[in-house]
Amino acid sequence: MSDTILLVEDHEANRSVLKRRLERRGYAVAEAADGAEAIAKFCAAPPDLVIMDLSMPNMSGLEALQHIRASGKGVDVPVIALTAHAMDEMREKCLASGFADFLTKPLNFDALLACIVSLKGAAQ
């Protein structure tokens, strides 16, 4: 059984490339193009981990995380923030808001894999 990752990214090309790379590593990947879709998919079938872009139309990743945590199903699921905003203030805000980790774009795939493995080990 593979771990399920919910990948939330509004840019289809970025989402598609990252999904394929994660699937090649053995992960099952569900996709969402915005925060509202992420909340719906999360509540319907909570994943083992979420990778959430912060800057999306209609609802930011921060807002989506608040809804996921409030759903009661998302309390223990690690959520990784993914953003092009590499400022320390944004990192601190994300971690204080309940994100398990914070990665910047352009994404270093090896760093993402290390983060996933680390969070998976912490959850056990």
PDB file of N, CA and C in Angstrom:
ATOM      1  N   MET A   1       0.844  -1.187   0.000  1.00  0.00           N
ATOM      2  CA  MET A   1       0.000   0.000   0.000  1.00  0.00           C
ATOM      3  C   MET A   1       0.882   1.240   0.000  1.00  0.00           C
ATOM      4  N   SER A   2       0.633   2.157  -0.920  1.00  0.00           N
ATOM      5  CA  SER A   2       1.438   3.371  -0.987  1.00  0.00           C
ATOM      6  C   SER A   2       0.762   4.495  -0.209  1.00  0.00           C
ATOM      7  N   ASP A   3       1.576   5.413   0.242  1.00  0.00           N
ATOM      8  CA  ASP A   3       1.039   6.585   0.920  1.00  0.00           C
ATOM      9  C   ASP A   3       0.332   7.465  -0.107  1.00  0.00           C
ATOM     10  N   THR A   4      -0.732   8.117   0.335  1.00  0.00           N
ATOM     11  CA  THR A   4      -1.482   9.009  -0.538  1.00  0.00           C
ATOM     12  C   THR A   4      -1.116  10.450  -0.223  1.00  0.00           C
ATOM     13  N   ILE A   5      -0.811  11.188  -1.271  1.00  0.00           N
ATOM     14  CA  ILE A   5      -0.478  12.605  -1.150  1.00  0.00           C
ATOM     15  C   ILE A   5      -1.530  13.405  -1.909  1.00  0.00           C
ATOM     16  N   LEU A   6      -2.063  14.436  -1.264  1.00  0.00           N
ATOM     17  CA  LEU A   6      -2.935  15.391  -1.944  1.00  0.00           C
ATOM     18  C   LEU A   6      -2.055  16.555  -2.380  1.00  0.00           C
ATOM     19  N   LEU A   7      -1.938  16.746  -3.688  1.00  0.00           N
ATOM     20  CA  LEU A   7      -1.119  17.801  -4.262  1.00  0.00           C
ATOM     21  C   LEU A   7      -2.018  18.952  -4.684  1.00  0.00           C
ATOM     22  N   VAL A   8      -1.847  20.096  -4.032  1.00  0.00           N
ATOM     23  CA  VAL A   8      -2.685  21.266  -4.287  1.00  0.00           C
ATOM     24  C   VAL A   8      -1.830  22.343  -4.946  1.00  0.00           C
ATOM     25  N   GLU A   9      -2.074  22.566  -6.223  1.00  0.00           N
ATOM     26  CA  GLU A   9      -1.271  23.500  -7.023  1.00  0.00           C
ATOM     27  C   GLU A   9      -2.147  24.018  -8.145  1.00  0.00           C
ATOM     28  N   ASP A  10      -2.221  25.354  -8.301  1.00  0.00           N
ATOM     29  CA  ASP A  10      -3.104  25.919  -9.320  1.00  0.00           C
ATOM     30  C   ASP A  10      -2.503  25.905 -10.724  1.00  0.00           C
ATOM     31  N   HIS A  11      -1.194  25.782 -10.859  1.00  0.00           N
ATOM     32  CA  HIS A  11      -0.581  25.727 -12.189  1.00  0.00           C
ATOM     33  C   HIS A  11      -0.549  24.278 -12.657  1.00  0.00           C
ATOM     34  N   GLU A  12      -1.339  24.003 -13.690  1.00  0.00           N
ATOM     35  CA  GLU A  12      -1.515  22.632 -14.154  1.00  0.00           C
ATOM     36  C   GLU A  12      -0.197  21.970 -14.545  1.00  0.00           C
ATOM     37  N   ALA A  13       0.681  22.694 -15.231  1.00  0.00           N
ATOM     38  CA  ALA A  13       1.950  22.095 -15.664  1.00  0.00           C
ATOM     39  C   ALA A  13       2.801  21.694 -14.455  1.00  0.00           C
ATOM     40  N   ASN A  14       2.890  22.575 -13.461  1.00  0.00           N
ATOM     41  CA  ASN A  14       3.657  22.257 -12.248  1.00  0.00           C
ATOM     42  C   ASN A  14       3.062  21.050 -11.534  1.00  0.00           C
ATOM     43  N   ARG A  15       1.743  21.032 -11.432  1.00  0.00           N
ATOM     44  CA  ARG A  15       1.051  19.942 -10.755  1.00  0.00           C
ATOM     45  C   ARG A  15       1.294  18.621 -11.474  1.00  0.00           C
ATOM     46  N   SER A  16       1.200  18.644 -12.786  1.00  0.00           N
ATOM     47  CA  SER A  16       1.364  17.430 -13.586  1.00  0.00           C
ATOM     48  C   SER A  16       2.778  16.853 -13.451  1.00  0.00           C
ATOM     49  N   VAL A  17       3.781  17.706 -13.544  1.00  0.00           N
ATOM     50  CA  VAL A  17       5.174  17.251 -13.433  1.00  0.00           C
ATOM     51  C   VAL A  17       5.442  16.677 -12.045  1.00  0.00           C
ATOM     52  N   LEU A  18       5.014  17.381 -11.025  1.00  0.00           N
ATOM     53  CA  LEU A  18       5.256  16.921  -9.657  1.00  0.00           C
ATOM     54  C   LEU A  18       4.494  15.629  -9.376  1.00  0.00           C
ATOM     55  N   LYS A  19       3.287  15.530  -9.877  1.00  0.00           N
ATOM     56  CA  LYS A  19       2.495  14.306  -9.693  1.00  0.00           C
ATOM     57  C   LYS A  19       3.227  13.111 -10.299  1.00  0.00           C
ATOM     58  N   ARG A  20       3.681  13.239 -11.522  1.00  0.00           N
ATOM     59  CA  ARG A  20       4.392  12.136 -12.176  1.00  0.00           C
ATOM     60  C   ARG A  20       5.647  11.737 -11.403  1.00  0.00           C
ATOM     61  N   ARG A  21       6.390  12.712 -10.923  1.00  0.00           N
ATOM     62  CA  ARG A  21       7.625  12.409 -10.184  1.00  0.00           C
ATOM     63  C   ARG A  21       7.317  11.695  -8.868  1.00  0.00           C
ATOM     64  N   LEU A  22       6.270  12.114  -8.191  1.00  0.00           N
ATOM     65  CA  LEU A  22       5.889  11.451  -6.937  1.00  0.00           C
ATOM     66  C   LEU A  22       5.373  10.037  -7.197  1.00  0.00           C
ATOM     67  N   GLU A  23       4.592   9.874  -8.252  1.00  0.00           N
ATOM     68  CA  GLU A  23       4.082   8.543  -8.581  1.00  0.00           C
ATOM     69  C   GLU A  23       5.212   7.581  -8.927  1.00  0.00           C
ATOM     70  N   ARG A  24       6.241   8.079  -9.603  1.00  0.00           N
ATOM     71  CA  ARG A  24       7.405   7.236  -9.907  1.00  0.00           C
ATOM     72  C   ARG A  24       8.115   6.769  -8.647  1.00  0.00           C
ATOM     73  N   ARG A  25       7.942   7.501  -7.576  1.00  0.00           N
ATOM     74  CA  ARG A  25       8.535   7.134  -6.278  1.00  0.00           C
ATOM     75  C   ARG A  25       7.600   6.261  -5.452  1.00  0.00           C
ATOM     76  N   GLY A  26       6.449   5.900  -6.015  1.00  0.00           N
ATOM     77  CA  GLY A  26       5.558   4.972  -5.348  1.00  0.00           C
ATOM     78  C   GLY A  26       4.402   5.585  -4.583  1.00  0.00           C
ATOM     79  N   TYR A  27       4.245   6.894  -4.666  1.00  0.00           N
ATOM     80  CA  TYR A  27       3.141   7.549  -3.967  1.00  0.00           C
ATOM     81  C   TYR A  27       1.891   7.578  -4.844  1.00  0.00           C
ATOM     82  N   ALA A  28       0.732   7.432  -4.221  1.00  0.00           N
ATOM     83  CA  ALA A  28      -0.534   7.665  -4.903  1.00  0.00           C
ATOM     84  C   ALA A  28      -0.821   9.156  -4.741  1.00  0.00           C
ATOM     85  N   VAL A  29      -1.146   9.839  -5.824  1.00  0.00           N
ATOM     86  CA  VAL A  29      -1.303  11.292  -5.779  1.00  0.00           C
ATOM     87  C   VAL A  29      -2.695  11.702  -6.237  1.00  0.00           C
ATOM     88  N   ALA A  30      -3.404  12.398  -5.358  1.00  0.00           N
ATOM     89  CA  ALA A  30      -4.666  13.042  -5.708  1.00  0.00           C
ATOM     90  C   ALA A  30      -4.346  14.503  -5.985  1.00  0.00           C
ATOM     91  N   GLU A  31      -5.097  15.118  -6.873  1.00  0.00           N
ATOM     92  CA  GLU A  31      -4.815  16.496  -7.265  1.00  0.00           C
ATOM     93  C   GLU A  31      -5.971  17.428  -6.932  1.00  0.00           C
ATOM     94  N   ALA A  32      -5.604  18.680  -6.633  1.00  0.00           N
ATOM     95  CA  ALA A  32      -6.575  19.755  -6.477  1.00  0.00           C
ATOM     96  C   ALA A  32      -5.960  21.019  -7.082  1.00  0.00           C
ATOM     97  N   ALA A  33      -6.789  21.788  -7.781  1.00  0.00           N
ATOM     98  CA  ALA A  33      -6.305  22.979  -8.466  1.00  0.00           C
ATOM     99  C   ALA A  33      -6.465  24.253  -7.646  1.00  0.00           C
ATOM    100  N   ASP A  34      -7.210  24.174  -6.532  1.00  0.00           N
ATOM    101  CA  ASP A  34      -7.371  25.352  -5.677  1.00  0.00           C
ATOM    102  C   ASP A  34      -7.752  24.911  -4.266  1.00  0.00           C
ATOM    103  N   GLY A  35      -7.843  25.875  -3.376  1.00  0.00           N
ATOM    104  CA  GLY A  35      -8.117  25.573  -1.976  1.00  0.00           C
ATOM    105  C   GLY A  35      -9.467  24.922  -1.735  1.00  0.00           C
ATOM    106  N   ALA A  36     -10.504  25.377  -2.425  1.00  0.00           N
ATOM    107  CA  ALA A  36     -11.841  24.810  -2.237  1.00  0.00           C
ATOM    108  C   ALA A  36     -11.870  23.346  -2.670  1.00  0.00           C
ATOM    109  N   GLU A  37     -11.256  23.049  -3.800  1.00  0.00           N
ATOM    110  CA  GLU A  37     -11.193  21.665  -4.268  1.00  0.00           C
ATOM    111  C   GLU A  37     -10.365  20.813  -3.304  1.00  0.00           C
ATOM    112  N   ALA A  38      -9.306  21.393  -2.755  1.00  0.00           N
ATOM    113  CA  ALA A  38      -8.472  20.670  -1.788  1.00  0.00           C
ATOM    114  C   ALA A  38      -9.273  20.278  -0.550  1.00  0.00           C
ATOM    115  N   ILE A  39     -10.074  21.206  -0.049  1.00  0.00           N
ATOM    116  CA  ILE A  39     -10.897  20.926   1.139  1.00  0.00           C
ATOM    117  C   ILE A  39     -11.884  19.800   0.845  1.00  0.00           C
ATOM    118  N   ALA A  40     -12.544  19.878  -0.303  1.00  0.00           N
ATOM    119  CA  ALA A  40     -13.528  18.855  -0.676  1.00  0.00           C
ATOM    120  C   ALA A  40     -12.869  17.483  -0.805  1.00  0.00           C
ATOM    121  N   LYS A  41     -11.745  17.421  -1.491  1.00  0.00           N
ATOM    122  CA  LYS A  41     -11.071  16.138  -1.678  1.00  0.00           C
ATOM    123  C   LYS A  41     -10.515  15.619  -0.358  1.00  0.00           C
ATOM    124  N   PHE A  42      -9.992  16.514   0.460  1.00  0.00           N
ATOM    125  CA  PHE A  42      -9.462  16.104   1.762  1.00  0.00           C
ATOM    126  C   PHE A  42     -10.568  15.503   2.619  1.00  0.00           C
ATOM    127  N   CYS A  43     -11.691  16.161   2.696  1.00  0.00           N
ATOM    128  CA  CYS A  43     -12.787  15.677   3.539  1.00  0.00           C
ATOM    129  C   CYS A  43     -13.389  14.378   3.013  1.00  0.00           C
ATOM    130  N   ALA A  44     -13.410  14.195   1.693  1.00  0.00           N
ATOM    131  CA  ALA A  44     -13.955  12.972   1.098  1.00  0.00           C
ATOM    132  C   ALA A  44     -13.048  11.775   1.339  1.00  0.00           C
ATOM    133  N   ALA A  45     -11.744  11.987   1.277  1.00  0.00           N
ATOM    134  CA  ALA A  45     -10.772  10.894   1.443  1.00  0.00           C
ATOM    135  C   ALA A  45      -9.471  11.474   1.980  1.00  0.00           C
ATOM    136  N   PRO A  46      -9.350  11.627   3.301  1.00  0.00           N
ATOM    137  CA  PRO A  46      -8.143  12.228   3.874  1.00  0.00           C
ATOM    138  C   PRO A  46      -6.870  11.492   3.440  1.00  0.00           C
ATOM    139  N   PRO A  47      -5.898  12.234   2.919  1.00  0.00           N
ATOM    140  CA  PRO A  47      -4.644  11.630   2.486  1.00  0.00           C
ATOM    141  C   PRO A  47      -3.694  11.443   3.677  1.00  0.00           C
ATOM    142  N   ASP A  48      -2.544  10.867   3.401  1.00  0.00           N
ATOM    143  CA  ASP A  48      -1.515  10.713   4.430  1.00  0.00           C
ATOM    144  C   ASP A  48      -0.702  11.991   4.598  1.00  0.00           C
ATOM    145  N   LEU A  49      -0.671  12.816   3.541  1.00  0.00           N
ATOM    146  CA  LEU A  49       0.123  14.041   3.540  1.00  0.00           C
ATOM    147  C   LEU A  49      -0.436  14.977   2.481  1.00  0.00           C
ATOM    148  N   VAL A  50      -0.258  16.281   2.680  1.00  0.00           N
ATOM    149  CA  VAL A  50      -0.698  17.279   1.700  1.00  0.00           C
ATOM    150  C   VAL A  50       0.492  18.162   1.344  1.00  0.00           C
ATOM    151  N   ILE A  51       0.626  18.462   0.062  1.00  0.00           N
ATOM    152  CA  ILE A  51       1.575  19.472  -0.418  1.00  0.00           C
ATOM    153  C   ILE A  51       0.701  20.597  -0.949  1.00  0.00           C
ATOM    154  N   MET A  52       0.797  21.781  -0.325  1.00  0.00           N
ATOM    155  CA  MET A  52      -0.144  22.874  -0.598  1.00  0.00           C
ATOM    156  C   MET A  52       0.570  24.146  -1.058  1.00  0.00           C
ATOM    157  N   ASP A  53       0.267  24.553  -2.282  1.00  0.00           N
ATOM    158  CA  ASP A  53       0.735  25.851  -2.770  1.00  0.00           C
ATOM    159  C   ASP A  53       0.048  26.930  -1.933  1.00  0.00           C
ATOM    160  N   LEU A  54       0.744  28.007  -1.653  1.00  0.00           N
ATOM    161  CA  LEU A  54       0.156  29.068  -0.838  1.00  0.00           C
ATOM    162  C   LEU A  54      -0.618  30.087  -1.655  1.00  0.00           C
ATOM    163  N   SER A  55      -0.113  30.424  -2.841  1.00  0.00           N
ATOM    164  CA  SER A  55      -0.724  31.475  -3.657  1.00  0.00           C
ATOM    165  C   SER A  55      -1.610  30.865  -4.731  1.00  0.00           C
ATOM    166  N   MET A  56      -2.905  30.820  -4.438  1.00  0.00           N
ATOM    167  CA  MET A  56      -3.868  30.273  -5.393  1.00  0.00           C
ATOM    168  C   MET A  56      -5.049  31.230  -5.498  1.00  0.00           C
ATOM    169  N   PRO A  57      -5.740  31.191  -6.633  1.00  0.00           N
ATOM    170  CA  PRO A  57      -6.929  32.041  -6.760  1.00  0.00           C
ATOM    171  C   PRO A  57      -8.048  31.558  -5.845  1.00  0.00           C
ATOM    172  N   ASN A  58      -8.914  32.456  -5.475  1.00  0.00           N
ATOM    173  CA  ASN A  58     -10.124  32.199  -4.678  1.00  0.00           C
ATOM    174  C   ASN A  58      -9.861  31.915  -3.210  1.00  0.00           C
ATOM    175  N   MET A  59      -8.852  31.107  -2.895  1.00  0.00           N
ATOM    176  CA  MET A  59      -8.569  30.773  -1.503  1.00  0.00           C
ATOM    177  C   MET A  59      -7.093  30.422  -1.378  1.00  0.00           C
ATOM    178  N   SER A  60      -6.388  31.091  -0.490  1.00  0.00           N
ATOM    179  CA  SER A  60      -4.963  30.817  -0.306  1.00  0.00           C
ATOM    180  C   SER A  60      -4.755  29.471   0.374  1.00  0.00           C
ATOM    181  N   GLY A  61      -3.544  28.983   0.304  1.00  0.00           N
ATOM    182  CA  GLY A  61      -3.195  27.751   0.995  1.00  0.00           C
ATOM    183  C   GLY A  61      -3.351  27.880   2.500  1.00  0.00           C
ATOM    184  N   LEU A  62      -3.083  29.067   3.028  1.00  0.00           N
ATOM    185  CA  LEU A  62      -3.271  29.299   4.465  1.00  0.00           C
ATOM    186  C   LEU A  62      -4.740  29.154   4.852  1.00  0.00           C
ATOM    187  N   GLU A  63      -5.629  29.724   4.048  1.00  0.00           N
ATOM    188  CA  GLU A  63      -7.068  29.611   4.330  1.00  0.00           C
ATOM    189  C   GLU A  63      -7.535  28.161   4.194  1.00  0.00           C
ATOM    190  N   ALA A  64      -7.067  27.479   3.166  1.00  0.00           N
ATOM    191  CA  ALA A  64      -7.457  26.082   2.961  1.00  0.00           C
ATOM    192  C   ALA A  64      -7.001  25.224   4.135  1.00  0.00           C
ATOM    193  N   LEU A  65      -5.796  25.470   4.630  1.00  0.00           N
ATOM    194  CA  LEU A  65      -5.300  24.713   5.774  1.00  0.00           C
ATOM    195  C   LEU A  65      -6.197  24.925   6.992  1.00  0.00           C
ATOM    196  N   GLN A  66      -6.637  26.153   7.231  1.00  0.00           N
ATOM    197  CA  GLN A  66      -7.527  26.424   8.367  1.00  0.00           C
ATOM    198  C   GLN A  66      -8.813  25.597   8.263  1.00  0.00           C
ATOM    199  N   HIS A  67      -9.376  25.512   7.058  1.00  0.00           N
ATOM    200  CA  HIS A  67     -10.601  24.729   6.851  1.00  0.00           C
ATOM    201  C   HIS A  67     -10.340  23.236   7.048  1.00  0.00           C
ATOM    202  N   ILE A  68      -9.207  22.774   6.558  1.00  0.00           N
ATOM    203  CA  ILE A  68      -8.860  21.356   6.701  1.00  0.00           C
ATOM    204  C   ILE A  68      -8.702  21.003   8.173  1.00  0.00           C
ATOM    205  N   ARG A  69      -8.001  21.847   8.916  1.00  0.00           N
ATOM    206  CA  ARG A  69      -7.791  21.584  10.347  1.00  0.00           C
ATOM    207  C   ARG A  69      -9.136  21.630  11.087  1.00  0.00           C
ATOM    208  N   ALA A  70     -10.005  22.537  10.699  1.00  0.00           N
ATOM    209  CA  ALA A  70     -11.299  22.678  11.364  1.00  0.00           C
ATOM    210  C   ALA A  70     -12.259  21.533  11.028  1.00  0.00           C
ATOM    211  N   SER A  71     -11.982  20.805   9.958  1.00  0.00           N
ATOM    212  CA  SER A  71     -12.874  19.717   9.547  1.00  0.00           C
ATOM    213  C   SER A  71     -12.883  18.560  10.549  1.00  0.00           C
ATOM    214  N   GLY A  72     -11.882  18.518  11.397  1.00  0.00           N
ATOM    215  CA  GLY A  72     -11.783  17.422  12.353  1.00  0.00           C
ATOM    216  C   GLY A  72     -11.076  16.212  11.781  1.00  0.00           C
ATOM    217  N   LYS A  73     -10.980  16.122  10.455  1.00  0.00           N
ATOM    218  CA  LYS A  73     -10.289  15.003   9.816  1.00  0.00           C
ATOM    219  C   LYS A  73      -8.827  15.315   9.571  1.00  0.00           C
ATOM    220  N   GLY A  74      -8.462  16.580   9.647  1.00  0.00           N
ATOM    221  CA  GLY A  74      -7.121  16.981   9.246  1.00  0.00           C
ATOM    222  C   GLY A  74      -6.193  17.372  10.360  1.00  0.00           C
ATOM    223  N   VAL A  75      -6.501  16.972  11.577  1.00  0.00           N
ATOM    224  CA  VAL A  75      -5.699  17.398  12.717  1.00  0.00           C
ATOM    225  C   VAL A  75      -4.291  16.829  12.682  1.00  0.00           C
ATOM    226  N   ASP A  76      -4.162  15.555  12.318  1.00  0.00           N
ATOM    227  CA  ASP A  76      -2.860  14.891  12.377  1.00  0.00           C
ATOM    228  C   ASP A  76      -2.171  14.730  11.031  1.00  0.00           C
ATOM    229  N   VAL A  77      -2.783  15.189   9.964  1.00  0.00           N
ATOM    230  CA  VAL A  77      -2.193  15.026   8.632  1.00  0.00           C
ATOM    231  C   VAL A  77      -1.186  16.153   8.392  1.00  0.00           C
ATOM    232  N   PRO A  78       0.083  15.795   8.107  1.00  0.00           N
ATOM    233  CA  PRO A  78       1.065  16.846   7.835  1.00  0.00           C
ATOM    234  C   PRO A  78       0.785  17.543   6.509  1.00  0.00           C
ATOM    235  N   VAL A  79       0.941  18.869   6.527  1.00  0.00           N
ATOM    236  CA  VAL A  79       0.740  19.677   5.327  1.00  0.00           C
ATOM    237  C   VAL A  79       2.016  20.486   5.099  1.00  0.00           C
ATOM    238  N   ILE A  80       2.583  20.326   3.904  1.00  0.00           N
ATOM    239  CA  ILE A  80       3.798  21.042   3.525  1.00  0.00           C
ATOM    240  C   ILE A  80       3.404  22.258   2.696  1.00  0.00           C
ATOM    241  N   ALA A  81       3.863  23.433   3.108  1.00  0.00           N
ATOM    242  CA  ALA A  81       3.623  24.663   2.344  1.00  0.00           C
ATOM    243  C   ALA A  81       4.623  24.725   1.195  1.00  0.00           C
ATOM    244  N   LEU A  82       4.138  25.118   0.034  1.00  0.00           N
ATOM    245  CA  LEU A  82       4.977  25.269  -1.143  1.00  0.00           C
ATOM    246  C   LEU A  82       4.730  26.657  -1.716  1.00  0.00           C
ATOM    247  N   THR A  83       5.792  27.450  -1.847  1.00  0.00           N
ATOM    248  CA  THR A  83       5.603  28.829  -2.287  1.00  0.00           C
ATOM    249  C   THR A  83       6.837  29.403  -2.964  1.00  0.00           C
ATOM    250  N   ALA A  84       6.607  30.424  -3.764  1.00  0.00           N
ATOM    251  CA  ALA A  84       7.707  31.177  -4.359  1.00  0.00           C
ATOM    252  C   ALA A  84       8.156  32.298  -3.431  1.00  0.00           C
ATOM    253  N   HIS A  85       7.420  32.531  -2.352  1.00  0.00           N
ATOM    254  CA  HIS A  85       7.736  33.593  -1.404  1.00  0.00           C
ATOM    255  C   HIS A  85       8.696  33.048  -0.344  1.00  0.00           C
ATOM    256  N   ALA A  86       9.986  33.297  -0.543  1.00  0.00           N
ATOM    257  CA  ALA A  86      11.006  32.679   0.297  1.00  0.00           C
ATOM    258  C   ALA A  86      11.409  33.537   1.500  1.00  0.00           C
ATOM    259  N   MET A  87      10.592  34.480   1.891  1.00  0.00           N
ATOM    260  CA  MET A  87      10.939  35.353   3.009  1.00  0.00           C
ATOM    261  C   MET A  87      10.760  34.633   4.343  1.00  0.00           C
ATOM    262  N   ASP A  88      11.634  34.943   5.293  1.00  0.00           N
ATOM    263  CA  ASP A  88      11.576  34.323   6.617  1.00  0.00           C
ATOM    264  C   ASP A  88      10.234  34.562   7.299  1.00  0.00           C
ATOM    265  N   GLU A  89       9.649  35.747   7.089  1.00  0.00           N
ATOM    266  CA  GLU A  89       8.370  36.063   7.714  1.00  0.00           C
ATOM    267  C   GLU A  89       7.274  35.107   7.250  1.00  0.00           C
ATOM    268  N   MET A  90       7.300  34.768   5.956  1.00  0.00           N
ATOM    269  CA  MET A  90       6.297  33.846   5.416  1.00  0.00           C
ATOM    270  C   MET A  90       6.499  32.453   5.995  1.00  0.00           C
ATOM    271  N   ARG A  91       7.734  32.028   6.104  1.00  0.00           N
ATOM    272  CA  ARG A  91       8.032  30.715   6.692  1.00  0.00           C
ATOM    273  C   ARG A  91       7.506  30.656   8.130  1.00  0.00           C
ATOM    274  N   GLU A  92       7.805  31.680   8.910  1.00  0.00           N
ATOM    275  CA  GLU A  92       7.360  31.723  10.308  1.00  0.00           C
ATOM    276  C   GLU A  92       5.830  31.717  10.399  1.00  0.00           C
ATOM    277  N   LYS A  93       5.179  32.483   9.531  1.00  0.00           N
ATOM    278  CA  LYS A  93       3.711  32.542   9.529  1.00  0.00           C
ATOM    279  C   LYS A  93       3.116  31.171   9.203  1.00  0.00           C
ATOM    280  N   CYS A  94       3.691  30.499   8.225  1.00  0.00           N
ATOM    281  CA  CYS A  94       3.186  29.177   7.830  1.00  0.00           C
ATOM    282  C   CYS A  94       3.359  28.157   8.951  1.00  0.00           C
ATOM    283  N   LEU A  95       4.516  28.113   9.538  1.00  0.00           N
ATOM    284  CA  LEU A  95       4.766  27.149  10.607  1.00  0.00           C
ATOM    285  C   LEU A  95       3.875  27.445  11.810  1.00  0.00           C
ATOM    286  N   ALA A  96       3.670  28.724  12.112  1.00  0.00           N
ATOM    287  CA  ALA A  96       2.793  29.105  13.227  1.00  0.00           C
ATOM    288  C   ALA A  96       1.328  28.778  12.923  1.00  0.00           C
ATOM    289  N   SER A  97       0.972  28.721  11.633  1.00  0.00           N
ATOM    290  CA  SER A  97      -0.408  28.438  11.228  1.00  0.00           C
ATOM    291  C   SER A  97      -0.725  26.954  11.165  1.00  0.00           C
ATOM    292  N   GLY A  98       0.281  26.114  11.361  1.00  0.00           N
ATOM    293  CA  GLY A  98       0.018  24.678  11.386  1.00  0.00           C
ATOM    294  C   GLY A  98       0.610  23.872  10.249  1.00  0.00           C
ATOM    295  N   PHE A  99       1.339  24.518   9.354  1.00  0.00           N
ATOM    296  CA  PHE A  99       2.032  23.750   8.329  1.00  0.00           C
ATOM    297  C   PHE A  99       3.166  22.978   8.993  1.00  0.00           C
ATOM    298  N   ALA A 100       3.406  21.759   8.520  1.00  0.00           N
ATOM    299  CA  ALA A 100       4.452  20.911   9.092  1.00  0.00           C
ATOM    300  C   ALA A 100       5.832  21.311   8.597  1.00  0.00           C
ATOM    301  N   ASP A 101       5.898  21.872   7.389  1.00  0.00           N
ATOM    302  CA  ASP A 101       7.174  22.317   6.827  1.00  0.00           C
ATOM    303  C   ASP A 101       6.891  23.338   5.737  1.00  0.00           C
ATOM    304  N   PHE A 102       7.945  23.925   5.216  1.00  0.00           N
ATOM    305  CA  PHE A 102       7.853  25.045   4.283  1.00  0.00           C
ATOM    306  C   PHE A 102       8.944  24.862   3.239  1.00  0.00           C
ATOM    307  N   LEU A 103       8.566  24.716   1.970  1.00  0.00           N
ATOM    308  CA  LEU A 103       9.522  24.577   0.884  1.00  0.00           C
ATOM    309  C   LEU A 103       9.261  25.663  -0.151  1.00  0.00           C
ATOM    310  N   THR A 104      10.331  26.090  -0.801  1.00  0.00           N
ATOM    311  CA  THR A 104      10.199  27.181  -1.769  1.00  0.00           C
ATOM    312  C   THR A 104      10.366  26.681  -3.201  1.00  0.00           C
ATOM    313  N   LYS A 105       9.775  27.458  -4.099  1.00  0.00           N
ATOM    314  CA  LYS A 105       9.915  27.219  -5.538  1.00  0.00           C
ATOM    315  C   LYS A 105      11.066  28.086  -6.038  1.00  0.00           C
ATOM    316  N   PRO A 106      11.805  27.652  -7.030  1.00  0.00           N
ATOM    317  CA  PRO A 106      11.658  26.370  -7.699  1.00  0.00           C
ATOM    318  C   PRO A 106      11.969  25.235  -6.723  1.00  0.00           C
ATOM    319  N   LEU A 107      11.177  24.206  -6.816  1.00  0.00           N
ATOM    320  CA  LEU A 107      11.226  23.109  -5.867  1.00  0.00           C
ATOM    321  C   LEU A 107      12.441  22.214  -6.095  1.00  0.00           C
ATOM    322  N   ASN A 108      13.128  21.926  -5.018  1.00  0.00           N
ATOM    323  CA  ASN A 108      14.195  20.925  -5.024  1.00  0.00           C
ATOM    324  C   ASN A 108      13.513  19.600  -4.684  1.00  0.00           C
ATOM    325  N   PHE A 109      13.378  18.722  -5.682  1.00  0.00           N
ATOM    326  CA  PHE A 109      12.623  17.483  -5.504  1.00  0.00           C
ATOM    327  C   PHE A 109      13.241  16.589  -4.430  1.00  0.00           C
ATOM    328  N   ASP A 110      14.551  16.524  -4.369  1.00  0.00           N
ATOM    329  CA  ASP A 110      15.200  15.712  -3.334  1.00  0.00           C
ATOM    330  C   ASP A 110      14.880  16.239  -1.938  1.00  0.00           C
ATOM    331  N   ALA A 111      14.815  17.554  -1.784  1.00  0.00           N
ATOM    332  CA  ALA A 111      14.455  18.143  -0.491  1.00  0.00           C
ATOM    333  C   ALA A 111      13.005  17.804  -0.144  1.00  0.00           C
ATOM    334  N   LEU A 112      12.126  17.806  -1.152  1.00  0.00           N
ATOM    335  CA  LEU A 112      10.731  17.429  -0.914  1.00  0.00           C
ATOM    336  C   LEU A 112      10.643  15.978  -0.451  1.00  0.00           C
ATOM    337  N   LEU A 113      11.343  15.081  -1.135  1.00  0.00           N
ATOM    338  CA  LEU A 113      11.322  13.671  -0.742  1.00  0.00           C
ATOM    339  C   LEU A 113      11.841  13.485   0.677  1.00  0.00           C
ATOM    340  N   ALA A 114      12.913  14.184   1.025  1.00  0.00           N
ATOM    341  CA  ALA A 114      13.464  14.097   2.383  1.00  0.00           C
ATOM    342  C   ALA A 114      12.450  14.599   3.403  1.00  0.00           C
ATOM    343  N   CYS A 115      11.746  15.654   3.060  1.00  0.00           N
ATOM    344  CA  CYS A 115      10.720  16.210   3.941  1.00  0.00           C
ATOM    345  C   CYS A 115       9.583  15.211   4.136  1.00  0.00           C
ATOM    346  N   ILE A 116       9.139  14.586   3.061  1.00  0.00           N
ATOM    347  CA  ILE A 116       8.055  13.597   3.148  1.00  0.00           C
ATOM    348  C   ILE A 116       8.478  12.432   4.022  1.00  0.00           C
ATOM    349  N   VAL A 117       9.665  11.913   3.815  1.00  0.00           N
ATOM    350  CA  VAL A 117      10.161  10.781   4.611  1.00  0.00           C
ATOM    351  C   VAL A 117      10.269  11.183   6.090  1.00  0.00           C
ATOM    352  N   SER A 118      10.769  12.385   6.345  1.00  0.00           N
ATOM    353  CA  SER A 118      10.911  12.865   7.716  1.00  0.00           C
ATOM    354  C   SER A 118       9.551  12.982   8.403  1.00  0.00           C
ATOM    355  N   LEU A 119       8.572  13.543   7.704  1.00  0.00           N
ATOM    356  CA  LEU A 119       7.237  13.710   8.279  1.00  0.00           C
ATOM    357  C   LEU A 119       6.538  12.366   8.472  1.00  0.00           C
ATOM    358  N   LYS A 120       6.776  11.448   7.548  1.00  0.00           N
ATOM    359  CA  LYS A 120       6.192  10.116   7.670  1.00  0.00           C
ATOM    360  C   LYS A 120       6.760   9.420   8.912  1.00  0.00           C
ATOM    361  N   GLY A 121       8.060   9.551   9.132  1.00  0.00           N
ATOM    362  CA  GLY A 121       8.690   8.950  10.300  1.00  0.00           C
ATOM    363  C   GLY A 121       8.218   9.585  11.590  1.00  0.00           C
ATOM    364  N   ALA A 122       7.975  10.886  11.580  1.00  0.00           N
ATOM    365  CA  ALA A 122       7.514  11.595  12.770  1.00  0.00           C
ATOM    366  C   ALA A 122       6.086  11.194  13.136  1.00  0.00           C
ATOM    367  N   ALA A 123       5.296  10.804  12.127  1.00  0.00           N
ATOM    368  CA  ALA A 123       3.901  10.446  12.356  1.00  0.00           C
ATOM    369  C   ALA A 123       3.749   9.041  12.924  1.00  0.00           C
ATOM    370  N   GLN A 124       4.795   8.237  12.810  1.00  0.00           N
ATOM    371  CA  GLN A 124       4.698   6.843  13.289  1.00  0.00           C
ATOM    372  C   GLN A 124       5.022   6.714  14.743  1.00  0.00           C
TER     373      GLN A 124
END
